[in-house]
Amino acid sequence: MNKFIIEFEAGVGLDTPGVVRLLGIGRSTYTHYRSAMRPLPDYHRKHMEVLMRVSQKLLRELIEESIDG
């Protein structure tokens, strides 16, 4: 398992389907990253790092826009 991804999921409070929609990547690709079958590209890691650093209020708004909206 990719520890960074597990921490990201916990930090943003989303499961795999939610993260896939938030990041806009394919589920099978994300599953490969999550299981460490494929390396996580730097651009995805940077995107995830930024999402973990924004305020909870902004994070919820971004999640609502990309997942619920």
N, C-alpha and C. Protein backbone atom coordinates (compact mmCIF):
# COMPACT_ATOMS: atom_id res chain seq x y z
N MET A 1 0.83 -1.19 0.00
CA MET A 1 0.00 0.00 0.00
C MET A 1 0.87 1.25 0.00
N ASN A 2 0.37 2.27 -0.65
CA ASN A 2 1.05 3.54 -0.70
C ASN A 2 0.63 4.35 0.53
N LYS A 3 1.54 4.51 1.47
CA LYS A 3 1.25 5.18 2.74
C LYS A 3 0.75 6.62 2.52
N PHE A 4 1.36 7.32 1.59
CA PHE A 4 0.96 8.70 1.31
C PHE A 4 -0.52 8.75 0.89
N ILE A 5 -0.93 7.85 0.03
CA ILE A 5 -2.33 7.84 -0.43
C ILE A 5 -3.28 7.50 0.70
N ILE A 6 -2.91 6.55 1.54
CA ILE A 6 -3.75 6.19 2.68
C ILE A 6 -3.92 7.40 3.60
N GLU A 7 -2.84 8.11 3.85
CA GLU A 7 -2.91 9.32 4.68
C GLU A 7 -3.74 10.40 4.00
N PHE A 8 -3.62 10.52 2.68
CA PHE A 8 -4.42 11.50 1.95
C PHE A 8 -5.91 11.20 2.10
N GLU A 9 -6.30 9.96 1.88
CA GLU A 9 -7.71 9.58 2.01
C GLU A 9 -8.25 9.93 3.40
N ALA A 10 -7.47 9.61 4.41
CA ALA A 10 -7.89 9.91 5.78
C ALA A 10 -7.96 11.43 6.00
N GLY A 11 -6.99 12.15 5.46
CA GLY A 11 -6.93 13.59 5.65
C GLY A 11 -8.08 14.34 5.00
N VAL A 12 -8.51 13.88 3.84
CA VAL A 12 -9.61 14.56 3.15
C VAL A 12 -10.96 13.92 3.45
N GLY A 13 -10.94 12.77 4.11
CA GLY A 13 -12.20 12.12 4.49
C GLY A 13 -12.96 11.51 3.34
N LEU A 14 -12.25 10.99 2.35
CA LEU A 14 -12.89 10.38 1.20
C LEU A 14 -12.42 8.95 1.01
N ASP A 15 -13.30 8.13 0.44
CA ASP A 15 -12.92 6.77 0.07
C ASP A 15 -12.42 6.79 -1.37
N THR A 16 -12.07 5.63 -1.89
CA THR A 16 -11.51 5.54 -3.24
C THR A 16 -12.40 6.18 -4.29
N PRO A 17 -13.71 5.88 -4.35
CA PRO A 17 -14.53 6.52 -5.38
C PRO A 17 -14.54 8.05 -5.27
N GLY A 18 -14.55 8.57 -4.07
CA GLY A 18 -14.53 10.02 -3.88
C GLY A 18 -13.23 10.64 -4.33
N VAL A 19 -12.12 10.00 -3.99
CA VAL A 19 -10.80 10.53 -4.38
C VAL A 19 -10.66 10.51 -5.90
N VAL A 20 -11.11 9.45 -6.52
CA VAL A 20 -11.03 9.33 -7.98
C VAL A 20 -11.78 10.48 -8.64
N ARG A 21 -12.94 10.79 -8.14
CA ARG A 21 -13.72 11.90 -8.71
C ARG A 21 -13.06 13.24 -8.42
N LEU A 22 -12.55 13.40 -7.21
CA LEU A 22 -11.89 14.65 -6.84
C LEU A 22 -10.66 14.92 -7.71
N LEU A 23 -9.86 13.89 -7.93
CA LEU A 23 -8.62 14.06 -8.70
C LEU A 23 -8.84 13.94 -10.20
N GLY A 24 -9.97 13.37 -10.61
CA GLY A 24 -10.25 13.23 -12.04
C GLY A 24 -9.39 12.19 -12.73
N ILE A 25 -9.13 11.09 -12.02
CA ILE A 25 -8.34 10.01 -12.63
C ILE A 25 -9.15 8.72 -12.63
N GLY A 26 -8.76 7.78 -13.46
CA GLY A 26 -9.46 6.51 -13.57
C GLY A 26 -9.32 5.67 -12.31
N ARG A 27 -10.37 4.94 -12.00
CA ARG A 27 -10.37 4.13 -10.78
C ARG A 27 -9.27 3.07 -10.81
N SER A 28 -9.10 2.39 -11.94
CA SER A 28 -8.07 1.34 -11.99
C SER A 28 -6.67 1.94 -11.85
N THR A 29 -6.45 3.10 -12.45
CA THR A 29 -5.16 3.77 -12.31
C THR A 29 -4.91 4.13 -10.85
N TYR A 30 -5.92 4.71 -10.21
CA TYR A 30 -5.78 5.09 -8.81
C TYR A 30 -5.54 3.86 -7.93
N THR A 31 -6.24 2.79 -8.22
CA THR A 31 -6.06 1.55 -7.45
C THR A 31 -4.63 1.04 -7.58
N HIS A 32 -4.05 1.18 -8.77
CA HIS A 32 -2.65 0.79 -8.96
C HIS A 32 -1.71 1.67 -8.14
N TYR A 33 -1.99 2.98 -8.12
CA TYR A 33 -1.19 3.88 -7.29
C TYR A 33 -1.33 3.50 -5.82
N ARG A 34 -2.57 3.26 -5.40
CA ARG A 34 -2.87 2.98 -3.99
C ARG A 34 -2.18 1.70 -3.52
N SER A 35 -2.17 0.70 -4.36
CA SER A 35 -1.56 -0.58 -3.99
C SER A 35 -0.06 -0.61 -4.26
N ALA A 36 0.47 0.49 -4.78
CA ALA A 36 1.90 0.62 -5.11
C ALA A 36 2.31 -0.27 -6.27
N MET A 37 1.34 -0.68 -7.11
CA MET A 37 1.67 -1.42 -8.32
C MET A 37 2.28 -0.49 -9.37
N ARG A 38 1.93 0.80 -9.26
CA ARG A 38 2.49 1.83 -10.13
C ARG A 38 2.92 2.99 -9.26
N PRO A 39 4.00 3.66 -9.62
CA PRO A 39 4.41 4.82 -8.83
C PRO A 39 3.43 5.98 -9.01
N LEU A 40 3.23 6.72 -7.95
CA LEU A 40 2.36 7.90 -7.99
C LEU A 40 3.13 9.03 -8.67
N PRO A 41 2.63 9.55 -9.80
CA PRO A 41 3.34 10.63 -10.48
C PRO A 41 3.44 11.87 -9.60
N ASP A 42 4.50 12.62 -9.80
CA ASP A 42 4.74 13.82 -9.01
C ASP A 42 3.58 14.82 -9.10
N TYR A 43 2.98 14.97 -10.29
CA TYR A 43 1.92 15.95 -10.42
C TYR A 43 0.68 15.57 -9.60
N HIS A 44 0.40 14.28 -9.46
CA HIS A 44 -0.70 13.85 -8.59
C HIS A 44 -0.33 14.08 -7.12
N ARG A 45 0.90 13.73 -6.77
CA ARG A 45 1.34 13.92 -5.39
C ARG A 45 1.26 15.41 -5.00
N LYS A 46 1.71 16.29 -5.88
CA LYS A 46 1.66 17.73 -5.59
C LYS A 46 0.22 18.20 -5.44
N HIS A 47 -0.65 17.74 -6.31
CA HIS A 47 -2.07 18.09 -6.23
C HIS A 47 -2.65 17.65 -4.89
N MET A 48 -2.33 16.44 -4.48
CA MET A 48 -2.82 15.90 -3.21
C MET A 48 -2.24 16.67 -2.02
N GLU A 49 -0.97 17.02 -2.11
CA GLU A 49 -0.34 17.79 -1.02
C GLU A 49 -1.03 19.15 -0.85
N VAL A 50 -1.33 19.80 -1.96
CA VAL A 50 -2.03 21.09 -1.87
C VAL A 50 -3.40 20.91 -1.23
N LEU A 51 -4.13 19.89 -1.65
CA LEU A 51 -5.46 19.66 -1.08
C LEU A 51 -5.40 19.40 0.42
N MET A 52 -4.33 18.78 0.89
CA MET A 52 -4.21 18.52 2.33
C MET A 52 -3.82 19.77 3.11
N ARG A 53 -3.34 20.80 2.42
CA ARG A 53 -2.89 22.02 3.10
C ARG A 53 -3.93 23.13 3.14
N VAL A 54 -4.96 23.02 2.32
CA VAL A 54 -5.98 24.08 2.32
C VAL A 54 -6.85 23.94 3.57
N SER A 55 -7.56 24.99 3.88
CA SER A 55 -8.44 24.96 5.05
C SER A 55 -9.54 23.92 4.84
N GLN A 56 -10.09 23.43 5.94
CA GLN A 56 -11.17 22.45 5.85
C GLN A 56 -12.38 23.02 5.13
N LYS A 57 -12.64 24.29 5.34
CA LYS A 57 -13.78 24.93 4.67
C LYS A 57 -13.58 24.92 3.15
N LEU A 58 -12.40 25.33 2.70
CA LEU A 58 -12.12 25.34 1.27
C LEU A 58 -12.11 23.93 0.71
N LEU A 59 -11.55 22.99 1.45
CA LEU A 59 -11.52 21.59 1.01
C LEU A 59 -12.94 21.07 0.79
N ARG A 60 -13.83 21.32 1.73
CA ARG A 60 -15.23 20.87 1.61
C ARG A 60 -15.88 21.51 0.38
N GLU A 61 -15.60 22.79 0.13
CA GLU A 61 -16.17 23.46 -1.04
C GLU A 61 -15.66 22.82 -2.33
N LEU A 62 -14.36 22.52 -2.38
CA LEU A 62 -13.79 21.88 -3.56
C LEU A 62 -14.37 20.49 -3.77
N ILE A 63 -14.54 19.76 -2.69
CA ILE A 63 -15.12 18.42 -2.79
C ILE A 63 -16.56 18.51 -3.29
N GLU A 64 -17.33 19.42 -2.73
CA GLU A 64 -18.71 19.58 -3.18
C GLU A 64 -18.78 19.93 -4.65
N GLU A 65 -17.93 20.82 -5.11
CA GLU A 65 -17.93 21.22 -6.51
C GLU A 65 -17.55 20.08 -7.43
N SER A 66 -16.54 19.31 -7.06
CA SER A 66 -16.05 18.26 -7.97
C SER A 66 -16.80 16.95 -7.83
N ILE A 67 -17.36 16.67 -6.69
CA ILE A 67 -18.04 15.39 -6.48
C ILE A 67 -19.55 15.55 -6.51
N ASP A 68 -20.04 16.50 -5.76
CA ASP A 68 -21.49 16.66 -5.62
C ASP A 68 -22.10 17.55 -6.70
N GLY A 69 -21.28 18.40 -7.28
CA GLY A 69 -21.81 19.38 -8.23
C GLY A 69 -21.55 19.01 -9.60
